[in-house]
Amino acid sequence: MPARARHLPTTSEREALQRLRASGEMTLKAIGPASHRTILKMIAKGWIERASESLAYRITPDGEAALRAKIPVR
């Protein structure tokens, strides 16, 4: 089976991105059940960013694009 494309979020990434889109900004604890490692990967991909002056995170335009990306059917 071919590897999943980098621009497509995993199930846990998609769930975290959907939560962030719905609420605007959230702390790491509130984003759960995504692991800390998953959050770090999403930051590295540019899908989420730290909100200014707080411990909260928010979704970026790249994160929105990742949610809208077509998932190929096998």
C-alpha atoms as a PDB file:
ATOM      1  CA  MET A   1       0.000   0.000   0.000  1.00  0.00           C
ATOM      2  CA  PRO A   2       1.411   3.433  -0.870  1.00  0.00           C
ATOM      3  CA  ALA A   3       2.240   5.846   1.930  1.00  0.00           C
ATOM      4  CA  ARG A   4      -0.286   8.500   2.910  1.00  0.00           C
ATOM      5  CA  ALA A   5       0.435  11.846   1.269  1.00  0.00           C
ATOM      6  CA  ARG A   6       2.052  14.388   3.613  1.00  0.00           C
ATOM      7  CA  HIS A   7      -0.661  16.975   2.943  1.00  0.00           C
ATOM      8  CA  LEU A   8      -3.392  14.639   4.252  1.00  0.00           C
ATOM      9  CA  PRO A   9      -3.938  14.655   8.018  1.00  0.00           C
ATOM     10  CA  THR A  10      -4.095  11.443  10.005  1.00  0.00           C
ATOM     11  CA  THR A  11      -7.251  10.672  11.944  1.00  0.00           C
ATOM     12  CA  SER A  12      -5.914  12.211  15.178  1.00  0.00           C
ATOM     13  CA  GLU A  13      -4.591  15.278  13.303  1.00  0.00           C
ATOM     14  CA  ARG A  14      -7.937  15.727  11.554  1.00  0.00           C
ATOM     15  CA  GLU A  15      -9.827  15.493  14.840  1.00  0.00           C
ATOM     16  CA  ALA A  16      -7.550  18.080  16.486  1.00  0.00           C
ATOM     17  CA  LEU A  17      -7.838  20.431  13.490  1.00  0.00           C
ATOM     18  CA  GLN A  18     -11.633  20.126  13.540  1.00  0.00           C
ATOM     19  CA  ARG A  19     -11.714  20.962  17.259  1.00  0.00           C
ATOM     20  CA  LEU A  20      -9.499  24.007  16.691  1.00  0.00           C
ATOM     21  CA  ARG A  21     -11.586  25.208  13.773  1.00  0.00           C
ATOM     22  CA  ALA A  22     -14.756  24.959  15.864  1.00  0.00           C
ATOM     23  CA  SER A  23     -13.406  26.761  18.921  1.00  0.00           C
ATOM     24  CA  GLY A  24     -10.822  29.209  17.579  1.00  0.00           C
ATOM     25  CA  GLU A  25      -8.092  28.768  20.183  1.00  0.00           C
ATOM     26  CA  MET A  26      -7.422  25.909  22.585  1.00  0.00           C
ATOM     27  CA  THR A  27      -4.775  24.807  25.055  1.00  0.00           C
ATOM     28  CA  LEU A  28      -2.840  21.599  24.415  1.00  0.00           C
ATOM     29  CA  LYS A  29      -4.862  19.803  27.066  1.00  0.00           C
ATOM     30  CA  ALA A  30      -8.157  20.856  25.501  1.00  0.00           C
ATOM     31  CA  ILE A  31      -7.093  19.790  21.982  1.00  0.00           C
ATOM     32  CA  GLY A  32      -6.781  16.161  23.160  1.00  0.00           C
ATOM     33  CA  PRO A  33      -6.882  13.248  22.570  1.00  0.00           C
ATOM     34  CA  ALA A  34      -4.068  14.183  20.173  1.00  0.00           C
ATOM     35  CA  SER A  35      -0.684  13.428  21.706  1.00  0.00           C
ATOM     36  CA  HIS A  36       2.014  16.015  22.294  1.00  0.00           C
ATOM     37  CA  ARG A  37       3.985  14.450  19.436  1.00  0.00           C
ATOM     38  CA  THR A  38       1.000  14.844  17.079  1.00  0.00           C
ATOM     39  CA  ILE A  39       0.731  18.512  18.046  1.00  0.00           C
ATOM     40  CA  LEU A  40       4.455  19.017  17.372  1.00  0.00           C
ATOM     41  CA  LYS A  41       4.072  17.416  13.935  1.00  0.00           C
ATOM     42  CA  MET A  42       1.151  19.711  13.100  1.00  0.00           C
ATOM     43  CA  ILE A  43       3.207  22.734  14.161  1.00  0.00           C
ATOM     44  CA  ALA A  44       6.086  21.545  11.952  1.00  0.00           C
ATOM     45  CA  LYS A  45       3.687  21.144   9.009  1.00  0.00           C
ATOM     46  CA  GLY A  46       2.393  24.679   9.599  1.00  0.00           C
ATOM     47  CA  TRP A  47      -1.161  23.501  10.302  1.00  0.00           C
ATOM     48  CA  ILE A  48      -1.387  25.085  13.760  1.00  0.00           C
ATOM     49  CA  GLU A  49       0.414  27.914  15.510  1.00  0.00           C
ATOM     50  CA  ARG A  50       0.687  29.338  18.971  1.00  0.00           C
ATOM     51  CA  ALA A  51      -1.696  32.182  19.657  1.00  0.00           C
ATOM     52  CA  SER A  52       0.081  35.375  20.648  1.00  0.00           C
ATOM     53  CA  GLU A  53       0.554  36.063  24.353  1.00  0.00           C
ATOM     54  CA  SER A  54      -1.078  32.817  25.507  1.00  0.00           C
ATOM     55  CA  LEU A  55      -0.603  29.085  25.904  1.00  0.00           C
ATOM     56  CA  ALA A  56      -3.336  28.401  23.352  1.00  0.00           C
ATOM     57  CA  TYR A  57      -3.003  27.190  19.767  1.00  0.00           C
ATOM     58  CA  ARG A  58      -5.037  28.008  16.669  1.00  0.00           C
ATOM     59  CA  ILE A  59      -5.466  26.575  13.197  1.00  0.00           C
ATOM     60  CA  THR A  60      -3.635  28.247  10.281  1.00  0.00           C
ATOM     61  CA  PRO A  61      -4.769  28.655   6.665  1.00  0.00           C
ATOM     62  CA  ASP A  62      -2.569  25.643   5.804  1.00  0.00           C
ATOM     63  CA  GLY A  63      -4.426  23.650   8.456  1.00  0.00           C
ATOM     64  CA  GLU A  64      -7.740  24.665   6.905  1.00  0.00           C
ATOM     65  CA  ALA A  65      -6.437  23.510   3.518  1.00  0.00           C
ATOM     66  CA  ALA A  66      -5.411  20.157   5.018  1.00  0.00           C
ATOM     67  CA  LEU A  67      -8.971  19.669   6.287  1.00  0.00           C
ATOM     68  CA  ARG A  68     -10.424  20.508   2.869  1.00  0.00           C
ATOM     69  CA  ALA A  69      -8.041  18.230   0.948  1.00  0.00           C
ATOM     70  CA  LYS A  70      -9.720  15.406  -0.950  1.00  0.00           C
ATOM     71  CA  ILE A  71      -9.062  12.001   0.580  1.00  0.00           C
ATOM     72  CA  PRO A  72      -8.389   9.499  -2.204  1.00  0.00           C
ATOM     73  CA  VAL A  73     -10.626   6.454  -2.357  1.00  0.00           C
ATOM     74  CA  ARG A  74      -8.846   3.125  -2.633  1.00  0.00           C
END
